[in-house]
Amino acid sequence: MSGVSDNPRWSIPKSAHEEVRVELTHWKGTDRLNVRVWVLKDDGAMIATKFGFTLALDRCQAFSDAVASAVCVARERGLIV
């Protein structure tokens, strides 16, 4: 996916004024997965915070596997349905 141009994005509500955005981005010549908390400002604009991380796309499968494993354990423990 060289040169991500339209920055596909998925948003997960975190609170009334925050969301987690998962985006495919292109930075410094590399396509990346960017996961970041965004907050709603008083003027209605959403801005990125410093809270989050970026991964090279070749690390995405390992990240996805880790999240899937965490979800399975949380279900087994009755923490989520």
PDB file of N, CA and C in Angstrom:
ATOM      1  N   MET A   1       0.846  -1.178   0.000  1.00  0.00           N
ATOM      2  CA  MET A   1       0.000   0.000   0.000  1.00  0.00           C
ATOM      3  C   MET A   1       0.885   1.233   0.000  1.00  0.00           C
ATOM      4  N   SER A   2       1.777   1.287  -0.870  1.00  0.00           N
ATOM      5  CA  SER A   2       2.725   2.391  -0.887  1.00  0.00           C
ATOM      6  C   SER A   2       2.030   3.714  -1.163  1.00  0.00           C
ATOM      7  N   GLY A   3       2.345   4.711  -0.352  1.00  0.00           N
ATOM      8  CA  GLY A   3       1.815   6.049  -0.548  1.00  0.00           C
ATOM      9  C   GLY A   3       0.344   6.176  -0.203  1.00  0.00           C
ATOM     10  N   VAL A   4      -0.030   5.804   0.993  1.00  0.00           N
ATOM     11  CA  VAL A   4      -1.422   5.937   1.429  1.00  0.00           C
ATOM     12  C   VAL A   4      -1.838   7.384   1.230  1.00  0.00           C
ATOM     13  N   SER A   5      -2.802   7.600   0.344  1.00  0.00           N
ATOM     14  CA  SER A   5      -3.147   8.984   0.024  1.00  0.00           C
ATOM     15  C   SER A   5      -4.450   9.447   0.644  1.00  0.00           C
ATOM     16  N   ASP A   6      -5.401   8.559   0.805  1.00  0.00           N
ATOM     17  CA  ASP A   6      -6.690   9.004   1.330  1.00  0.00           C
ATOM     18  C   ASP A   6      -6.835   8.724   2.820  1.00  0.00           C
ATOM     19  N   ASN A   7      -5.800   8.223   3.463  1.00  0.00           N
ATOM     20  CA  ASN A   7      -5.769   7.951   4.902  1.00  0.00           C
ATOM     21  C   ASN A   7      -7.057   7.299   5.411  1.00  0.00           C
ATOM     22  N   PRO A   8      -7.276   6.017   5.044  1.00  0.00           N
ATOM     23  CA  PRO A   8      -8.438   5.320   5.599  1.00  0.00           C
ATOM     24  C   PRO A   8      -8.420   5.414   7.119  1.00  0.00           C
ATOM     25  N   ARG A   9      -9.606   5.618   7.719  1.00  0.00           N
ATOM     26  CA  ARG A   9      -9.684   5.865   9.164  1.00  0.00           C
ATOM     27  C   ARG A   9     -10.885   5.151   9.765  1.00  0.00           C
ATOM     28  N   TRP A  10     -10.665   4.643  10.966  1.00  0.00           N
ATOM     29  CA  TRP A  10     -11.726   4.035  11.761  1.00  0.00           C
ATOM     30  C   TRP A  10     -11.706   4.714  13.119  1.00  0.00           C
ATOM     31  N   SER A  11     -12.878   5.028  13.650  1.00  0.00           N
ATOM     32  CA  SER A  11     -12.975   5.735  14.929  1.00  0.00           C
ATOM     33  C   SER A  11     -13.716   4.884  15.943  1.00  0.00           C
ATOM     34  N   ILE A  12     -13.223   4.911  17.177  1.00  0.00           N
ATOM     35  CA  ILE A  12     -13.834   4.202  18.287  1.00  0.00           C
ATOM     36  C   ILE A  12     -14.104   5.225  19.381  1.00  0.00           C
ATOM     37  N   PRO A  13     -15.376   5.463  19.733  1.00  0.00           N
ATOM     38  CA  PRO A  13     -15.662   6.424  20.801  1.00  0.00           C
ATOM     39  C   PRO A  13     -15.003   5.989  22.113  1.00  0.00           C
ATOM     40  N   LYS A  14     -14.384   6.933  22.788  1.00  0.00           N
ATOM     41  CA  LYS A  14     -13.756   6.665  24.085  1.00  0.00           C
ATOM     42  C   LYS A  14     -14.567   7.311  25.210  1.00  0.00           C
ATOM     43  N   SER A  15     -15.069   8.503  24.958  1.00  0.00           N
ATOM     44  CA  SER A  15     -15.921   9.229  25.899  1.00  0.00           C
ATOM     45  C   SER A  15     -16.716  10.247  25.082  1.00  0.00           C
ATOM     46  N   ALA A  16     -17.445  11.104  25.774  1.00  0.00           N
ATOM     47  CA  ALA A  16     -18.240  12.112  25.070  1.00  0.00           C
ATOM     48  C   ALA A  16     -17.365  13.092  24.286  1.00  0.00           C
ATOM     49  N   HIS A  17     -16.108  13.241  24.708  1.00  0.00           N
ATOM     50  CA  HIS A  17     -15.233  14.241  24.085  1.00  0.00           C
ATOM     51  C   HIS A  17     -13.954  13.650  23.508  1.00  0.00           C
ATOM     52  N   GLU A  18     -13.848  12.326  23.474  1.00  0.00           N
ATOM     53  CA  GLU A  18     -12.635  11.684  22.975  1.00  0.00           C
ATOM     54  C   GLU A  18     -12.977  10.498  22.085  1.00  0.00           C
ATOM     55  N   GLU A  19     -12.087  10.223  21.143  1.00  0.00           N
ATOM     56  CA  GLU A  19     -12.199   9.025  20.334  1.00  0.00           C
ATOM     57  C   GLU A  19     -10.809   8.500  20.026  1.00  0.00           C
ATOM     58  N   VAL A  20     -10.742   7.207  19.762  1.00  0.00           N
ATOM     59  CA  VAL A  20      -9.495   6.592  19.314  1.00  0.00           C
ATOM     60  C   VAL A  20      -9.619   6.446  17.811  1.00  0.00           C
ATOM     61  N   ARG A  21      -8.642   6.960  17.091  1.00  0.00           N
ATOM     62  CA  ARG A  21      -8.642   6.834  15.637  1.00  0.00           C
ATOM     63  C   ARG A  21      -7.543   5.872  15.217  1.00  0.00           C
ATOM     64  N   VAL A  22      -7.913   4.981  14.329  1.00  0.00           N
ATOM     65  CA  VAL A  22      -6.978   4.044  13.722  1.00  0.00           C
ATOM     66  C   VAL A  22      -6.892   4.440  12.254  1.00  0.00           C
ATOM     67  N   GLU A  23      -5.692   4.800  11.812  1.00  0.00           N
ATOM     68  CA  GLU A  23      -5.529   5.299  10.450  1.00  0.00           C
ATOM     69  C   GLU A  23      -4.350   4.630   9.760  1.00  0.00           C
ATOM     70  N   LEU A  24      -4.463   4.491   8.455  1.00  0.00           N
ATOM     71  CA  LEU A  24      -3.319   4.132   7.636  1.00  0.00           C
ATOM     72  C   LEU A  24      -2.726   5.442   7.140  1.00  0.00           C
ATOM     73  N   THR A  25      -1.459   5.662   7.428  1.00  0.00           N
ATOM     74  CA  THR A  25      -0.809   6.921   7.067  1.00  0.00           C
ATOM     75  C   THR A  25       0.504   6.645   6.348  1.00  0.00           C
ATOM     76  N   HIS A  26       1.027   7.676   5.753  1.00  0.00           N
ATOM     77  CA  HIS A  26       2.332   7.616   5.091  1.00  0.00           C
ATOM     78  C   HIS A  26       3.198   8.696   5.720  1.00  0.00           C
ATOM     79  N   TRP A  27       4.311   8.293   6.322  1.00  0.00           N
ATOM     80  CA  TRP A  27       5.172   9.241   7.030  1.00  0.00           C
ATOM     81  C   TRP A  27       6.630   8.871   6.812  1.00  0.00           C
ATOM     82  N   LYS A  28       7.412   9.850   6.429  1.00  0.00           N
ATOM     83  CA  LYS A  28       8.844   9.667   6.187  1.00  0.00           C
ATOM     84  C   LYS A  28       9.124   8.493   5.251  1.00  0.00           C
ATOM     85  N   GLY A  29       8.333   8.411   4.187  1.00  0.00           N
ATOM     86  CA  GLY A  29       8.550   7.396   3.168  1.00  0.00           C
ATOM     87  C   GLY A  29       8.056   6.007   3.502  1.00  0.00           C
ATOM     88  N   THR A  30       7.331   5.852   4.614  1.00  0.00           N
ATOM     89  CA  THR A  30       6.870   4.535   5.038  1.00  0.00           C
ATOM     90  C   THR A  30       5.379   4.556   5.341  1.00  0.00           C
ATOM     91  N   ASP A  31       4.690   3.519   4.874  1.00  0.00           N
ATOM     92  CA  ASP A  31       3.276   3.362   5.220  1.00  0.00           C
ATOM     93  C   ASP A  31       3.183   2.810   6.634  1.00  0.00           C
ATOM     94  N   ARG A  32       2.256   3.370   7.415  1.00  0.00           N
ATOM     95  CA  ARG A  32       2.173   3.031   8.834  1.00  0.00           C
ATOM     96  C   ARG A  32       0.732   2.909   9.307  1.00  0.00           C
ATOM     97  N   LEU A  33       0.582   2.229  10.444  1.00  0.00           N
ATOM     98  CA  LEU A  33      -0.673   2.192  11.183  1.00  0.00           C
ATOM     99  C   LEU A  33      -0.519   3.181  12.331  1.00  0.00           C
ATOM    100  N   ASN A  34      -1.423   4.135  12.412  1.00  0.00           N
ATOM    101  CA  ASN A  34      -1.374   5.161  13.455  1.00  0.00           C
ATOM    102  C   ASN A  34      -2.605   4.998  14.339  1.00  0.00           C
ATOM    103  N   VAL A  35      -2.393   4.797  15.628  1.00  0.00           N
ATOM    104  CA  VAL A  35      -3.475   4.664  16.606  1.00  0.00           C
ATOM    105  C   VAL A  35      -3.300   5.796  17.608  1.00  0.00           C
ATOM    106  N   ARG A  36      -4.274   6.689  17.679  1.00  0.00           N
ATOM    107  CA  ARG A  36      -4.103   7.890  18.483  1.00  0.00           C
ATOM    108  C   ARG A  36      -5.417   8.325  19.107  1.00  0.00           C
ATOM    109  N   VAL A  37      -5.351   8.926  20.287  1.00  0.00           N
ATOM    110  CA  VAL A  37      -6.522   9.519  20.938  1.00  0.00           C
ATOM    111  C   VAL A  37      -6.700  10.937  20.388  1.00  0.00           C
ATOM    112  N   TRP A  38      -7.919  11.247  20.001  1.00  0.00           N
ATOM    113  CA  TRP A  38      -8.292  12.580  19.546  1.00  0.00           C
ATOM    114  C   TRP A  38      -9.296  13.156  20.527  1.00  0.00           C
ATOM    115  N   VAL A  39      -9.240  14.471  20.750  1.00  0.00           N
ATOM    116  CA  VAL A  39     -10.169  15.132  21.677  1.00  0.00           C
ATOM    117  C   VAL A  39     -10.928  16.248  20.959  1.00  0.00           C
ATOM    118  N   LEU A  40     -12.129  16.489  21.462  1.00  0.00           N
ATOM    119  CA  LEU A  40     -12.983  17.551  20.931  1.00  0.00           C
ATOM    120  C   LEU A  40     -12.668  18.851  21.655  1.00  0.00           C
ATOM    121  N   LYS A  41     -12.264  19.862  20.882  1.00  0.00           N
ATOM    122  CA  LYS A  41     -11.991  21.174  21.467  1.00  0.00           C
ATOM    123  C   LYS A  41     -13.292  21.940  21.664  1.00  0.00           C
ATOM    124  N   ASP A  42     -13.234  23.023  22.423  1.00  0.00           N
ATOM    125  CA  ASP A  42     -14.410  23.852  22.688  1.00  0.00           C
ATOM    126  C   ASP A  42     -15.036  24.412  21.409  1.00  0.00           C
ATOM    127  N   ASP A  43     -14.204  24.623  20.379  1.00  0.00           N
ATOM    128  CA  ASP A  43     -14.720  25.177  19.119  1.00  0.00           C
ATOM    129  C   ASP A  43     -15.295  24.101  18.199  1.00  0.00           C
ATOM    130  N   GLY A  44     -15.331  22.833  18.668  1.00  0.00           N
ATOM    131  CA  GLY A  44     -15.912  21.750  17.883  1.00  0.00           C
ATOM    132  C   GLY A  44     -14.930  20.987  17.016  1.00  0.00           C
ATOM    133  N   ALA A  45     -13.686  21.436  16.972  1.00  0.00           N
ATOM    134  CA  ALA A  45     -12.674  20.756  16.170  1.00  0.00           C
ATOM    135  C   ALA A  45     -12.068  19.583  16.949  1.00  0.00           C
ATOM    136  N   MET A  46     -11.751  18.514  16.231  1.00  0.00           N
ATOM    137  CA  MET A  46     -11.066  17.377  16.833  1.00  0.00           C
ATOM    138  C   MET A  46      -9.573  17.554  16.605  1.00  0.00           C
ATOM    139  N   ILE A  47      -8.774  17.325  17.665  1.00  0.00           N
ATOM    140  CA  ILE A  47      -7.322  17.428  17.535  1.00  0.00           C
ATOM    141  C   ILE A  47      -6.664  16.165  18.093  1.00  0.00           C
ATOM    142  N   ALA A  48      -5.558  15.793  17.483  1.00  0.00           N
ATOM    143  CA  ALA A  48      -4.806  14.623  17.933  1.00  0.00           C
ATOM    144  C   ALA A  48      -4.055  14.964  19.212  1.00  0.00           C
ATOM    145  N   THR A  49      -3.973  13.986  20.106  1.00  0.00           N
ATOM    146  CA  THR A  49      -3.177  14.146  21.315  1.00  0.00           C
ATOM    147  C   THR A  49      -1.858  13.401  21.132  1.00  0.00           C
ATOM    148  N   LYS A  50      -0.994  13.481  22.127  1.00  0.00           N
ATOM    149  CA  LYS A  50       0.273  12.756  22.075  1.00  0.00           C
ATOM    150  C   LYS A  50       0.092  11.295  22.487  1.00  0.00           C
ATOM    151  N   PHE A  51      -1.114  10.939  22.919  1.00  0.00           N
ATOM    152  CA  PHE A  51      -1.372   9.588  23.401  1.00  0.00           C
ATOM    153  C   PHE A  51      -1.702   8.662  22.240  1.00  0.00           C
ATOM    154  N   GLY A  52      -0.847   7.713  21.988  1.00  0.00           N
ATOM    155  CA  GLY A  52      -1.045   6.760  20.913  1.00  0.00           C
ATOM    156  C   GLY A  52       0.292   6.209  20.451  1.00  0.00           C
ATOM    157  N   PHE A  53       0.256   5.544  19.317  1.00  0.00           N
ATOM    158  CA  PHE A  53       1.481   4.959  18.774  1.00  0.00           C
ATOM    159  C   PHE A  53       1.335   4.747  17.281  1.00  0.00           C
ATOM    160  N   THR A  54       2.463   4.518  16.640  1.00  0.00           N
ATOM    161  CA  THR A  54       2.528   4.260  15.215  1.00  0.00           C
ATOM    162  C   THR A  54       3.356   3.001  14.986  1.00  0.00           C
ATOM    163  N   LEU A  55       2.887   2.157  14.074  1.00  0.00           N
ATOM    164  CA  LEU A  55       3.598   0.932  13.728  1.00  0.00           C
ATOM    165  C   LEU A  55       3.821   0.869  12.225  1.00  0.00           C
ATOM    166  N   ALA A  56       4.961   0.341  11.814  1.00  0.00           N
ATOM    167  CA  ALA A  56       5.162   0.027  10.405  1.00  0.00           C
ATOM    168  C   ALA A  56       4.155  -1.062  10.041  1.00  0.00           C
ATOM    169  N   LEU A  57       3.663  -1.044   8.800  1.00  0.00           N
ATOM    170  CA  LEU A  57       2.619  -1.979   8.412  1.00  0.00           C
ATOM    171  C   LEU A  57       3.045  -3.440   8.539  1.00  0.00           C
ATOM    172  N   ASP A  58       4.341  -3.714   8.450  1.00  0.00           N
ATOM    173  CA  ASP A  58       4.772  -5.106   8.594  1.00  0.00           C
ATOM    174  C   ASP A  58       4.635  -5.616  10.026  1.00  0.00           C
ATOM    175  N   ARG A  59       4.291  -4.755  10.969  1.00  0.00           N
ATOM    176  CA  ARG A  59       4.051  -5.148  12.367  1.00  0.00           C
ATOM    177  C   ARG A  59       2.561  -5.258  12.692  1.00  0.00           C
ATOM    178  N   CYS A  60       1.695  -4.907  11.738  1.00  0.00           N
ATOM    179  CA  CYS A  60       0.249  -4.874  11.992  1.00  0.00           C
ATOM    180  C   CYS A  60      -0.322  -6.242  12.326  1.00  0.00           C
ATOM    181  N   GLN A  61       0.113  -7.296  11.654  1.00  0.00           N
ATOM    182  CA  GLN A  61      -0.446  -8.611  11.941  1.00  0.00           C
ATOM    183  C   GLN A  61      -0.122  -9.036  13.363  1.00  0.00           C
ATOM    184  N   ALA A  62       1.107  -8.789  13.819  1.00  0.00           N
ATOM    185  CA  ALA A  62       1.477  -9.134  15.196  1.00  0.00           C
ATOM    186  C   ALA A  62       0.642  -8.330  16.184  1.00  0.00           C
ATOM    187  N   PHE A  63       0.402  -7.061  15.888  1.00  0.00           N
ATOM    188  CA  PHE A  63      -0.440  -6.228  16.754  1.00  0.00           C
ATOM    189  C   PHE A  63      -1.871  -6.766  16.785  1.00  0.00           C
ATOM    190  N   SER A  64      -2.411  -7.079  15.617  1.00  0.00           N
ATOM    191  CA  SER A  64      -3.759  -7.623  15.528  1.00  0.00           C
ATOM    192  C   SER A  64      -3.877  -8.933  16.306  1.00  0.00           C
ATOM    193  N   ASP A  65      -2.883  -9.795  16.185  1.00  0.00           N
ATOM    194  CA  ASP A  65      -2.883 -11.066  16.923  1.00  0.00           C
ATOM    195  C   ASP A  65      -2.860 -10.826  18.432  1.00  0.00           C
ATOM    196  N   ALA A  66      -2.068  -9.860  18.871  1.00  0.00           N
ATOM    197  CA  ALA A  66      -1.975  -9.554  20.303  1.00  0.00           C
ATOM    198  C   ALA A  66      -3.308  -9.027  20.836  1.00  0.00           C
ATOM    199  N   VAL A  67      -3.966  -8.152  20.080  1.00  0.00           N
ATOM    200  CA  VAL A  67      -5.267  -7.622  20.501  1.00  0.00           C
ATOM    201  C   VAL A  67      -6.298  -8.744  20.531  1.00  0.00           C
ATOM    202  N   ALA A  68      -6.298  -9.603  19.522  1.00  0.00           N
ATOM    203  CA  ALA A  68      -7.240 -10.730  19.496  1.00  0.00           C
ATOM    204  C   ALA A  68      -7.025 -11.647  20.699  1.00  0.00           C
ATOM    205  N   SER A  69      -5.782 -11.894  21.050  1.00  0.00           N
ATOM    206  CA  SER A  69      -5.479 -12.731  22.220  1.00  0.00           C
ATOM    207  C   SER A  69      -5.967 -12.072  23.502  1.00  0.00           C
ATOM    208  N   ALA A  70      -5.754 -10.772  23.631  1.00  0.00           N
ATOM    209  CA  ALA A  70      -6.212 -10.053  24.817  1.00  0.00           C
ATOM    210  C   ALA A  70      -7.734 -10.099  24.928  1.00  0.00           C
ATOM    211  N   VAL A  71      -8.433  -9.971  23.812  1.00  0.00           N
ATOM    212  CA  VAL A  71      -9.892 -10.039  23.816  1.00  0.00           C
ATOM    213  C   VAL A  71     -10.352 -11.433  24.243  1.00  0.00           C
ATOM    214  N   CYS A  72      -9.701 -12.476  23.752  1.00  0.00           N
ATOM    215  CA  CYS A  72     -10.062 -13.851  24.145  1.00  0.00           C
ATOM    216  C   CYS A  72      -9.894 -14.060  25.648  1.00  0.00           C
ATOM    217  N   VAL A  73      -8.792 -13.603  26.198  1.00  0.00           N
ATOM    218  CA  VAL A  73      -8.554 -13.756  27.635  1.00  0.00           C
ATOM    219  C   VAL A  73      -9.581 -12.952  28.429  1.00  0.00           C
ATOM    220  N   ALA A  74      -9.884 -11.737  27.978  1.00  0.00           N
ATOM    221  CA  ALA A  74     -10.882 -10.912  28.670  1.00  0.00           C
ATOM    222  C   ALA A  74     -12.242 -11.599  28.656  1.00  0.00           C
ATOM    223  N   ARG A  75     -12.604 -12.240  27.543  1.00  0.00           N
ATOM    224  CA  ARG A  75     -13.876 -12.978  27.475  1.00  0.00           C
ATOM    225  C   ARG A  75     -13.864 -14.164  28.430  1.00  0.00           C
ATOM    226  N   GLU A  76     -12.766 -14.911  28.424  1.00  0.00           N
ATOM    227  CA  GLU A  76     -12.633 -16.081  29.310  1.00  0.00           C
ATOM    228  C   GLU A  76     -12.778 -15.678  30.775  1.00  0.00           C
ATOM    229  N   ARG A  77     -12.304 -14.511  31.114  1.00  0.00           N
ATOM    230  CA  ARG A  77     -12.362 -14.023  32.496  1.00  0.00           C
ATOM    231  C   ARG A  77     -13.676 -13.315  32.812  1.00  0.00           C
ATOM    232  N   GLY A  78     -14.553 -13.217  31.827  1.00  0.00           N
ATOM    233  CA  GLY A  78     -15.841 -12.564  32.043  1.00  0.00           C
ATOM    234  C   GLY A  78     -15.761 -11.051  32.103  1.00  0.00           C
ATOM    235  N   LEU A  79     -14.693 -10.485  31.598  1.00  0.00           N
ATOM    236  CA  LEU A  79     -14.513  -9.040  31.646  1.00  0.00           C
ATOM    237  C   LEU A  79     -15.289  -8.327  30.547  1.00  0.00           C
ATOM    238  N   ILE A  80     -15.506  -9.035  29.422  1.00  0.00           N
ATOM    239  CA  ILE A  80     -16.328  -8.514  28.325  1.00  0.00           C
ATOM    240  C   ILE A  80     -17.231  -9.633  27.833  1.00  0.00           C
ATOM    241  N   VAL A  81     -18.278  -9.264  27.149  1.00  0.00           N
ATOM    242  CA  VAL A  81     -19.235 -10.255  26.650  1.00  0.00           C
ATOM    243  C   VAL A  81     -18.906 -10.595  25.213  1.00  0.00           C
TER     244      VAL A  81
END
